[in-house]
Protein backbone atom coordinates (compact mmCIF):
# COMPACT_ATOMS: atom_id res chain seq x y z
CA MET A 1 100.05 3.79 13.46
CA ALA A 2 102.52 0.81 14.41
CA THR A 3 105.81 -0.06 13.58
CA LEU A 4 107.07 -3.14 12.27
CA THR A 5 110.53 -4.60 12.98
CA TYR A 6 111.71 -8.36 12.44
CA VAL A 7 113.95 -10.58 14.42
CA TYR A 8 115.36 -13.21 11.36
CA GLY A 9 117.00 -14.91 14.27
CA ASP A 10 113.65 -15.76 15.87
CA SER A 11 111.69 -15.64 12.48
CA THR A 12 109.61 -13.12 14.25
CA ALA A 13 107.65 -10.20 13.18
CA VAL A 14 107.39 -7.65 15.86
CA LEU A 15 104.41 -5.22 15.99
CA GLY A 16 104.42 -2.54 18.56
CA PRO A 17 103.55 1.29 18.90
CA LEU A 18 104.95 4.04 16.46
CA ALA A 19 108.40 4.61 17.23
CA THR A 20 110.10 7.46 17.74
CA LEU A 21 113.53 6.88 16.40
CA ALA A 22 114.45 5.19 13.34
CA GLU A 23 115.85 1.78 13.68
CA PRO A 24 117.52 -0.34 10.56
CA HIS A 25 114.64 -2.96 9.60
CA SER A 26 112.27 -1.57 11.36
CA TYR A 27 108.92 0.14 9.11
CA ASP A 28 106.18 2.15 9.86
CA LEU A 29 102.30 0.96 8.87
CA CYS A 30 99.35 2.82 9.13
CA ALA A 31 96.34 1.34 11.21
CA GLU A 32 95.10 -0.81 8.77
CA HIS A 33 98.46 -2.22 7.26
CA ALA A 34 98.90 -2.93 11.19
CA ALA A 35 95.61 -4.56 11.57
CA ARG A 36 95.93 -6.57 8.56
CA LEU A 37 99.61 -7.92 8.85
CA THR A 38 100.41 -11.38 8.04
CA ALA A 39 103.82 -13.25 8.66
CA PRO A 40 105.76 -15.81 5.81
CA ARG A 41 104.39 -19.66 6.69
CA GLY A 42 107.14 -20.42 9.86
CA TRP A 43 107.42 -16.95 11.12
CA GLU A 44 105.44 -15.72 14.25
CA VAL A 45 103.23 -12.45 14.89
CA VAL A 46 103.95 -11.09 17.88
CA ARG A 47 101.51 -8.19 18.66
CA LEU A 48 102.53 -5.37 21.44
CA LEU A 49 99.08 -3.70 21.42
CA PRO A 50 96.06 -5.28 20.40
CA GLU A 51 94.37 -2.34 18.01
CA PHE A 52 96.31 0.27 16.61
CA GLU A 53 94.61 3.72 16.38
CA PRO A 54 95.55 6.58 14.11
CA LEU A 55 97.29 9.33 15.50
CA ALA A 56 96.25 13.17 15.08
CA PRO A 57 98.64 15.25 13.22
CA SER A 58 101.20 16.31 15.62
CA HIS A 59 102.78 20.00 15.51
CA ASP A 60 105.63 19.46 13.94
CA ASP A 61 103.34 17.66 11.00
CA LEU A 62 101.88 20.88 11.07
CA LEU A 63 104.39 22.94 10.61
CA ALA A 64 105.52 20.61 7.75
CA LEU A 65 102.74 20.97 5.69
CA ALA A 66 102.69 25.06 6.37
CA ASP A 67 106.24 25.53 5.22
CA ALA A 68 105.47 23.30 2.18
CA VAL A 69 102.75 24.96 1.44
CA ARG A 70 104.19 28.07 1.44
CA GLU A 71 106.99 26.87 -0.66
CA ALA A 72 105.03 25.57 -3.34
CA GLY A 73 103.15 29.43 -3.20
CA ARG A 74 106.48 31.06 -3.96
CA PRO A 75 107.07 32.33 -7.64
CA PRO A 76 110.15 30.27 -9.52
CA GLU A 77 112.93 32.26 -9.44
CA PRO A 78 113.93 33.03 -13.02
CA ALA A 79 117.20 30.99 -14.39
CA PRO A 80 120.56 33.29 -14.04
CA ALA A 81 121.20 34.78 -17.81
CA ALA A 82 124.16 33.04 -19.61
CA GLU A 83 127.14 34.83 -20.44
CA PRO A 84 127.63 35.46 -24.15
CA VAL A 85 130.61 33.33 -25.42
CA VAL A 86 133.47 35.45 -27.18
CA ALA A 87 136.40 33.78 -29.04
CA ALA A 88 139.55 35.59 -28.52
CA GLY A 89 139.91 38.62 -31.30
CA GLU A 90 136.28 39.38 -31.06
CA ARG A 91 134.45 41.82 -29.36
CA ARG A 92 130.97 41.94 -28.61
CA ARG A 93 128.18 44.79 -28.95
CA GLY A 94 124.71 43.79 -28.16
CA HIS A 95 123.31 41.07 -30.87
CA LEU A 96 126.44 42.12 -33.02
CA ARG A 97 130.14 40.49 -33.33
CA VAL A 98 133.32 42.69 -34.91
CA VAL A 99 135.33 40.61 -36.15
CA HIS A 100 139.07 41.72 -37.36
CA GLY A 101 140.63 40.29 -39.99
CA GLU A 102 144.61 39.91 -40.47
CA GLY A 103 145.21 43.53 -42.14
CA ASP A 104 142.48 45.50 -39.83
CA ALA A 105 143.64 46.62 -35.84
């Protein structure tokens, strides 16, 4: 793994060890893409490490994977039942509605 950072003013791409903090205009690359990186014509590539080796999973990676598997294994929660809409002057009993006419009360 490696982090690629661009220095536009100097037309330079810097490829170094994997960064621990996110920075604007920096991109993390796998070992294969770090090894095959090329820059636009007229740009220089500065490699701070000659070879980039893949990293083993960290404790945080394993916890994140376990949490994702646990979340995927949970049954979906049922959607809440919608409350029936009853217009003014109507009473609702089960699936039937009682509608009062003008003379009924």
